């Protein structure tokens, strides 16, 4: 089984590229902290090369910035190519199958002038509706009882 799960910070802003066939891809490095510290008490990190294709590449290029904390799931792959000097180069990288942004949202962030439009969520029912279950009894919250007194005999309890 070839399965990799990494949590780390992206080292630079990702750039979306396209192959000759028009497939979108993103190459990026993920700085993953080691569990140990060096002699000075500083954390060490491994810089792991990752490549994402298609929808994952599009997501990363739109919403991920340098320094964001990511969870990357994928598999290790190796490849080789001929460099300009004629030597064969070998590359080991993580082929990204799933990525999640673990970076908390900044509540003070201002919208970008050229940002993608925000889609309105379904506001008719459920938790997305700000009035959902807001005041089901019609009482003023200040008048709501603080405690409920219930008389339960020990024989009624299942434990």
Protein backbone atom coordinates (compact mmCIF):
# COMPACT_ATOMS: atom_id res chain seq x y z
CA UNK A 1 0.00 0.00 0.00
CA UNK A 2 1.30 3.44 -0.95
CA UNK A 3 -0.41 6.03 1.29
CA UNK A 4 0.92 9.33 2.66
CA UNK A 5 -0.69 11.76 5.11
CA UNK A 6 1.13 15.04 5.80
CA UNK A 7 0.35 18.17 7.79
CA UNK A 8 2.56 21.15 7.15
CA UNK A 9 2.85 24.68 5.83
CA UNK A 10 3.14 25.56 2.16
CA UNK A 11 6.43 27.33 1.46
CA UNK A 12 5.37 29.74 -1.33
CA UNK A 13 2.28 30.88 -3.19
CA UNK A 14 1.22 28.13 -5.62
CA UNK A 15 1.20 28.77 -9.35
CA UNK A 16 -1.27 26.97 -11.59
CA UNK A 17 0.32 25.53 -14.73
CA UNK A 18 -1.08 23.58 -17.66
CA UNK A 19 0.34 20.65 -19.61
CA UNK A 20 0.37 20.60 -23.40
CA UNK A 21 -2.89 18.65 -23.19
CA UNK A 22 -4.48 21.36 -21.05
CA UNK A 23 -4.40 19.55 -17.68
CA UNK A 24 -4.00 21.95 -14.72
CA UNK A 25 -1.32 21.15 -12.15
CA UNK A 26 0.43 22.73 -9.20
CA UNK A 27 3.87 21.89 -7.83
CA UNK A 28 4.53 22.97 -4.25
CA UNK A 29 6.69 22.19 -1.21
CA UNK A 30 5.25 21.41 2.18
CA UNK A 31 7.33 22.15 5.30
CA UNK A 32 6.54 19.37 7.77
CA UNK A 33 7.88 19.74 11.32
CA UNK A 34 9.81 16.87 12.85
CA UNK A 35 8.90 15.62 16.33
CA UNK A 36 12.39 16.29 17.68
CA UNK A 37 14.37 19.46 18.25
CA UNK A 38 18.04 20.17 17.53
CA UNK A 39 20.71 20.91 20.16
CA UNK A 40 19.61 24.58 20.33
CA UNK A 41 15.96 23.64 20.94
CA UNK A 42 14.81 24.65 17.45
CA UNK A 43 12.34 22.59 15.48
CA UNK A 44 13.58 20.94 12.31
CA UNK A 45 11.43 20.52 9.21
CA UNK A 46 11.41 18.34 6.13
CA UNK A 47 10.52 20.03 2.84
CA UNK A 48 8.44 17.60 0.82
CA UNK A 49 7.67 18.08 -2.87
CA UNK A 50 4.03 17.64 -3.82
CA UNK A 51 2.13 17.76 -7.11
CA UNK A 52 -1.63 18.21 -7.51
CA UNK A 53 -3.68 17.79 -10.68
CA UNK A 54 -7.07 18.86 -12.00
CA UNK A 55 -9.60 19.91 -9.30
CA UNK A 56 -7.08 19.71 -6.46
CA UNK A 57 -4.70 21.96 -8.41
CA UNK A 58 -7.48 24.45 -9.10
CA UNK A 59 -8.49 24.54 -5.41
CA UNK A 60 -4.91 25.03 -4.25
CA UNK A 61 -4.20 27.81 -6.74
CA UNK A 62 -7.36 29.73 -5.78
CA UNK A 63 -7.52 29.39 -2.01
CA UNK A 64 -4.07 28.50 -0.64
CA UNK A 65 -1.35 31.04 0.08
CA UNK A 66 2.21 30.89 1.41
CA UNK A 67 2.30 29.82 5.06
CA UNK A 68 -1.13 28.17 5.12
CA UNK A 69 -1.40 24.98 7.15
CA UNK A 70 -2.49 22.08 4.93
CA UNK A 71 -3.42 18.46 5.32
CA UNK A 72 -2.28 16.52 2.25
CA UNK A 73 -3.27 12.95 1.50
CA UNK A 74 -1.76 11.10 -1.42
CA UNK A 75 0.85 8.61 -2.54
CA UNK A 76 4.57 8.72 -3.24
CA UNK A 77 5.67 8.54 -6.83
CA UNK A 78 9.07 8.66 -8.46
CA UNK A 79 9.93 9.85 -11.95
CA UNK A 80 12.99 10.62 -13.99
CA UNK A 81 13.86 13.08 -16.72
CA UNK A 82 16.81 14.21 -18.82
CA UNK A 83 18.27 17.52 -17.66
CA UNK A 84 19.67 20.09 -20.10
CA UNK A 85 23.18 18.90 -19.28
CA UNK A 86 22.22 15.40 -20.47
CA UNK A 87 22.20 13.75 -17.04
CA UNK A 88 19.27 11.72 -15.80
CA UNK A 89 17.56 13.31 -12.79
CA UNK A 90 15.30 11.43 -10.36
CA UNK A 91 12.43 13.05 -8.50
CA UNK A 92 10.42 11.69 -5.57
CA UNK A 93 7.20 13.55 -4.77
CA UNK A 94 3.77 13.15 -3.24
CA UNK A 95 0.95 12.86 -5.76
CA UNK A 96 -1.88 14.72 -4.01
CA UNK A 97 -5.23 12.95 -3.93
CA UNK A 98 -6.90 15.10 -1.27
CA UNK A 99 -6.00 18.41 0.34
CA UNK A 100 -7.63 20.34 3.18
CA UNK A 101 -6.97 23.88 4.30
CA UNK A 102 -6.38 23.81 8.07
CA UNK A 103 -5.64 27.54 8.27
CA UNK A 104 -8.19 29.32 10.49
CA UNK A 105 -10.06 32.11 8.77
CA UNK A 106 -9.03 35.64 9.65
CA UNK A 107 -12.16 37.41 10.93
CA UNK A 108 -10.60 40.81 10.14
CA UNK A 109 -9.71 39.95 6.54
CA UNK A 110 -11.06 42.32 3.93
CA UNK A 111 -12.44 40.93 0.67
CA UNK A 112 -10.06 41.09 -2.27
CA UNK A 113 -11.19 43.41 -5.11
CA UNK A 114 -10.79 40.67 -7.76
CA UNK A 115 -11.93 37.78 -5.57
CA UNK A 116 -14.26 35.07 -6.81
CA UNK A 117 -17.94 35.71 -6.02
CA UNK A 118 -19.31 34.24 -2.82
CA UNK A 119 -22.21 31.90 -3.37
CA UNK A 120 -25.25 32.38 -1.17
CA UNK A 121 -26.02 29.40 1.02
CA UNK A 122 -29.46 27.86 1.24
CA UNK A 123 -31.20 30.01 3.84
CA UNK A 124 -34.58 28.28 3.91
CA UNK A 125 -34.08 25.64 6.59
CA UNK A 126 -31.53 24.11 8.88
CA UNK A 127 -28.47 25.53 10.55
CA UNK A 128 -27.60 27.91 7.70
CA UNK A 129 -30.75 29.89 8.45
CA UNK A 130 -29.94 32.57 11.06
CA UNK A 131 -33.51 32.42 12.39
CA UNK A 132 -33.50 28.62 12.70
CA UNK A 133 -34.53 27.74 16.23
CA UNK A 134 -33.68 31.30 17.34
CA UNK A 135 -36.64 31.63 19.68
CA UNK A 136 -38.90 28.59 19.34
CA UNK A 137 -41.05 29.36 22.41
CA UNK A 138 -41.74 32.99 21.60
CA UNK A 139 -40.48 33.99 25.06
CA UNK A 140 -38.00 36.70 25.71
CA UNK A 141 -34.68 34.93 26.46
CA UNK A 142 -34.33 37.00 29.64
CA UNK A 143 -37.64 35.55 30.87
CA UNK A 144 -36.77 31.94 30.06
CA UNK A 145 -36.48 29.66 33.11
CA UNK A 146 -32.92 29.10 34.30
CA UNK A 147 -33.54 25.58 35.62
CA UNK A 148 -36.11 22.87 35.25
CA UNK A 149 -37.25 20.98 38.31
CA UNK A 150 -38.16 17.41 37.46
CA UNK A 151 -39.17 14.87 40.05
CA UNK A 152 -37.61 11.52 39.09
CA UNK A 153 -37.64 8.50 41.38
CA UNK A 154 -34.52 6.33 41.64
CA UNK A 155 -36.55 3.41 40.27
CA UNK A 156 -37.10 5.34 36.99
CA UNK A 157 -33.38 5.64 36.21
CA UNK A 158 -31.87 2.95 33.95
CA UNK A 159 -28.54 2.89 35.80
